[in-house]
Amino acid sequence: MMMAYHIFISHGTDSGIFFLDEYLGSAVSVDFYWESVGRKLNLPIISSFTASADYDDGFTLFGDDLVAFKNEIDVFETYWIEESEKKHLPKDFLERVKIIKEGVGKAIVDGLTLMIA
């Protein structure tokens, strides 16, 4: 069975309601579109999505790590905007990256935790 990965940000610590719930893709697509680019651009958080998410309760980021992830997303998005003319991207990929970037920005301001599972 192939694992599918999502990125989540809840409204609070006890909330089952998600402020952000975005599909990242299957393990293969996450490796190709996210992690391989993360490795190429030296983005340690993005390049370790699946390895980190496959541990126990998933991959969580908050505080300074969330700020570092926001900085990586900025570089990642710029790369894909420049490459989108040359390479085929999944439908709505750049729009989802923008939604994730905006969600991460809100999570930083509101002191929330992001999870990838």
C-alpha atoms as a PDB file:
ATOM      1  CA  MET A   1       0.000   0.000   0.000  1.00  0.00           C
ATOM      2  CA  MET A   2       1.325   3.439  -0.927  1.00  0.00           C
ATOM      3  CA  MET A   3       1.286   6.088   1.774  1.00  0.00           C
ATOM      4  CA  ALA A   4      -0.442   9.422   1.152  1.00  0.00           C
ATOM      5  CA  TYR A   5       0.790  12.534   2.929  1.00  0.00           C
ATOM      6  CA  HIS A   6      -1.161  15.532   4.189  1.00  0.00           C
ATOM      7  CA  ILE A   7      -0.196  18.741   5.937  1.00  0.00           C
ATOM      8  CA  PHE A   8      -2.435  19.858   8.810  1.00  0.00           C
ATOM      9  CA  ILE A   9      -2.742  22.879  11.088  1.00  0.00           C
ATOM     10  CA  SER A  10      -5.458  22.781  13.734  1.00  0.00           C
ATOM     11  CA  HIS A  11      -7.133  25.781  15.334  1.00  0.00           C
ATOM     12  CA  GLY A  12      -5.791  24.842  18.756  1.00  0.00           C
ATOM     13  CA  THR A  13      -4.263  22.048  20.786  1.00  0.00           C
ATOM     14  CA  ASP A  14      -7.570  20.319  21.583  1.00  0.00           C
ATOM     15  CA  SER A  15      -9.325  21.081  18.318  1.00  0.00           C
ATOM     16  CA  GLY A  16     -10.207  18.371  15.837  1.00  0.00           C
ATOM     17  CA  ILE A  17     -11.067  21.112  13.345  1.00  0.00           C
ATOM     18  CA  PHE A  18      -8.282  21.920  10.932  1.00  0.00           C
ATOM     19  CA  PHE A  19      -7.463  25.422   9.802  1.00  0.00           C
ATOM     20  CA  LEU A  20      -5.363  23.841   7.052  1.00  0.00           C
ATOM     21  CA  ASP A  21      -5.696  20.350   5.578  1.00  0.00           C
ATOM     22  CA  GLU A  22      -3.830  20.030   2.296  1.00  0.00           C
ATOM     23  CA  TYR A  23      -2.957  16.890   0.381  1.00  0.00           C
ATOM     24  CA  LEU A  24       0.781  16.716  -0.390  1.00  0.00           C
ATOM     25  CA  GLY A  25       0.608  13.547  -2.473  1.00  0.00           C
ATOM     26  CA  SER A  26       1.634   9.919  -2.522  1.00  0.00           C
ATOM     27  CA  ALA A  27       5.087   8.940  -1.281  1.00  0.00           C
ATOM     28  CA  VAL A  28       6.337   8.901  -4.877  1.00  0.00           C
ATOM     29  CA  SER A  29       4.950  12.328  -5.760  1.00  0.00           C
ATOM     30  CA  VAL A  30       6.109  13.866  -2.450  1.00  0.00           C
ATOM     31  CA  ASP A  31       9.597  12.521  -3.142  1.00  0.00           C
ATOM     32  CA  PHE A  32       9.606  13.827  -6.720  1.00  0.00           C
ATOM     33  CA  TYR A  33       7.950  17.252  -6.336  1.00  0.00           C
ATOM     34  CA  TRP A  34       8.913  18.110  -2.761  1.00  0.00           C
ATOM     35  CA  GLU A  35      11.832  16.146  -1.325  1.00  0.00           C
ATOM     36  CA  SER A  36      14.048  15.944  -4.413  1.00  0.00           C
ATOM     37  CA  VAL A  37      13.701  19.693  -4.884  1.00  0.00           C
ATOM     38  CA  GLY A  38      14.370  20.162  -1.162  1.00  0.00           C
ATOM     39  CA  ARG A  39      17.598  18.186  -1.514  1.00  0.00           C
ATOM     40  CA  LYS A  40      18.589  20.113  -4.647  1.00  0.00           C
ATOM     41  CA  LEU A  41      18.002  23.477  -2.920  1.00  0.00           C
ATOM     42  CA  ASN A  42      19.429  22.388   0.463  1.00  0.00           C
ATOM     43  CA  LEU A  43      16.087  22.684   2.289  1.00  0.00           C
ATOM     44  CA  PRO A  44      16.409  20.212   5.189  1.00  0.00           C
ATOM     45  CA  ILE A  45      12.795  20.288   6.397  1.00  0.00           C
ATOM     46  CA  ILE A  46      11.227  19.803   2.966  1.00  0.00           C
ATOM     47  CA  SER A  47      13.771  17.149   1.989  1.00  0.00           C
ATOM     48  CA  SER A  48      12.815  15.033   5.021  1.00  0.00           C
ATOM     49  CA  PHE A  49       8.991  15.075   4.853  1.00  0.00           C
ATOM     50  CA  THR A  50       8.382  11.354   4.402  1.00  0.00           C
ATOM     51  CA  ALA A  51      11.185  10.098   6.635  1.00  0.00           C
ATOM     52  CA  SER A  52      10.055  12.376   9.459  1.00  0.00           C
ATOM     53  CA  ALA A  53       6.307  11.825   8.915  1.00  0.00           C
ATOM     54  CA  ASP A  54       6.666   8.047   9.023  1.00  0.00           C
ATOM     55  CA  TYR A  55       7.741   8.130  12.680  1.00  0.00           C
ATOM     56  CA  ASP A  56       5.165   7.480  15.428  1.00  0.00           C
ATOM     57  CA  ASP A  57       2.781  10.457  15.468  1.00  0.00           C
ATOM     58  CA  GLY A  58       3.860  12.201  12.291  1.00  0.00           C
ATOM     59  CA  PHE A  59       6.061  15.198  11.732  1.00  0.00           C
ATOM     60  CA  THR A  60       5.314  18.333  13.775  1.00  0.00           C
ATOM     61  CA  LEU A  61       6.729  21.834  13.469  1.00  0.00           C
ATOM     62  CA  PHE A  62       6.201  24.836  15.719  1.00  0.00           C
ATOM     63  CA  GLY A  63       8.041  27.950  16.879  1.00  0.00           C
ATOM     64  CA  ASP A  64      11.434  28.530  15.279  1.00  0.00           C
ATOM     65  CA  ASP A  65      11.159  25.333  13.211  1.00  0.00           C
ATOM     66  CA  LEU A  66       7.933  26.633  11.689  1.00  0.00           C
ATOM     67  CA  VAL A  67       9.680  29.909  10.802  1.00  0.00           C
ATOM     68  CA  ALA A  68      12.499  27.917   9.170  1.00  0.00           C
ATOM     69  CA  PHE A  69       9.892  25.916   7.223  1.00  0.00           C
ATOM     70  CA  LYS A  70       8.236  29.148   6.051  1.00  0.00           C
ATOM     71  CA  ASN A  71      11.612  30.330   4.751  1.00  0.00           C
ATOM     72  CA  GLU A  72      12.079  27.011   2.930  1.00  0.00           C
ATOM     73  CA  ILE A  73       8.604  27.245   1.387  1.00  0.00           C
ATOM     74  CA  ASP A  74       9.475  30.701   0.013  1.00  0.00           C
ATOM     75  CA  VAL A  75      12.563  29.293  -1.748  1.00  0.00           C
ATOM     76  CA  PHE A  76      10.651  26.178  -2.855  1.00  0.00           C
ATOM     77  CA  GLU A  77       7.777  28.208  -4.333  1.00  0.00           C
ATOM     78  CA  THR A  78      10.183  30.494  -6.226  1.00  0.00           C
ATOM     79  CA  TYR A  79      11.942  27.455  -7.688  1.00  0.00           C
ATOM     80  CA  TRP A  80       8.698  25.911  -8.944  1.00  0.00           C
ATOM     81  CA  ILE A  81       7.398  29.193 -10.354  1.00  0.00           C
ATOM     82  CA  GLU A  82      10.589  29.465 -12.412  1.00  0.00           C
ATOM     83  CA  GLU A  83      10.531  25.773 -13.410  1.00  0.00           C
ATOM     84  CA  SER A  84       6.796  25.508 -14.148  1.00  0.00           C
ATOM     85  CA  GLU A  85       7.317  26.594 -17.746  1.00  0.00           C
ATOM     86  CA  LYS A  86       9.739  23.700 -18.331  1.00  0.00           C
ATOM     87  CA  LYS A  87       8.257  20.923 -16.212  1.00  0.00           C
ATOM     88  CA  HIS A  88       4.780  19.521 -15.896  1.00  0.00           C
ATOM     89  CA  LEU A  89       3.315  20.105 -12.447  1.00  0.00           C
ATOM     90  CA  PRO A  90       0.274  18.382 -10.954  1.00  0.00           C
ATOM     91  CA  LYS A  91      -2.982  20.295 -11.321  1.00  0.00           C
ATOM     92  CA  ASP A  92      -3.193  23.202  -8.857  1.00  0.00           C
ATOM     93  CA  PHE A  93       0.262  22.420  -7.406  1.00  0.00           C
ATOM     94  CA  LEU A  94       1.428  26.035  -7.183  1.00  0.00           C
ATOM     95  CA  GLU A  95      -1.934  27.094  -5.760  1.00  0.00           C
ATOM     96  CA  ARG A  96      -1.617  24.447  -3.020  1.00  0.00           C
ATOM     97  CA  VAL A  97       1.936  25.589  -2.256  1.00  0.00           C
ATOM     98  CA  LYS A  98       0.620  29.148  -1.864  1.00  0.00           C
ATOM     99  CA  ILE A  99      -2.173  27.963   0.454  1.00  0.00           C
ATOM    100  CA  ILE A 100       0.361  26.036   2.548  1.00  0.00           C
ATOM    101  CA  LYS A 101       2.669  29.066   2.696  1.00  0.00           C
ATOM    102  CA  GLU A 102      -0.175  31.308   3.849  1.00  0.00           C
ATOM    103  CA  GLY A 103      -1.271  28.707   6.412  1.00  0.00           C
ATOM    104  CA  VAL A 104       2.246  28.449   7.795  1.00  0.00           C
ATOM    105  CA  GLY A 105       2.398  32.228   8.107  1.00  0.00           C
ATOM    106  CA  LYS A 106      -0.854  32.225  10.099  1.00  0.00           C
ATOM    107  CA  ALA A 107       0.376  29.336  12.259  1.00  0.00           C
ATOM    108  CA  ILE A 108       3.511  31.324  13.109  1.00  0.00           C
ATOM    109  CA  VAL A 109       1.506  34.409  14.097  1.00  0.00           C
ATOM    110  CA  ASP A 110      -1.028  32.397  16.118  1.00  0.00           C
ATOM    111  CA  GLY A 111       1.519  30.037  17.749  1.00  0.00           C
ATOM    112  CA  LEU A 112       0.006  26.921  16.169  1.00  0.00           C
ATOM    113  CA  THR A 113       1.605  23.579  15.346  1.00  0.00           C
ATOM    114  CA  LEU A 114       1.850  22.110  11.854  1.00  0.00           C
ATOM    115  CA  MET A 115       1.774  18.354  11.316  1.00  0.00           C
ATOM    116  CA  ILE A 116       2.654  16.243   8.310  1.00  0.00           C
ATOM    117  CA  ALA A 117       1.335  12.695   8.330  1.00  0.00           C
END
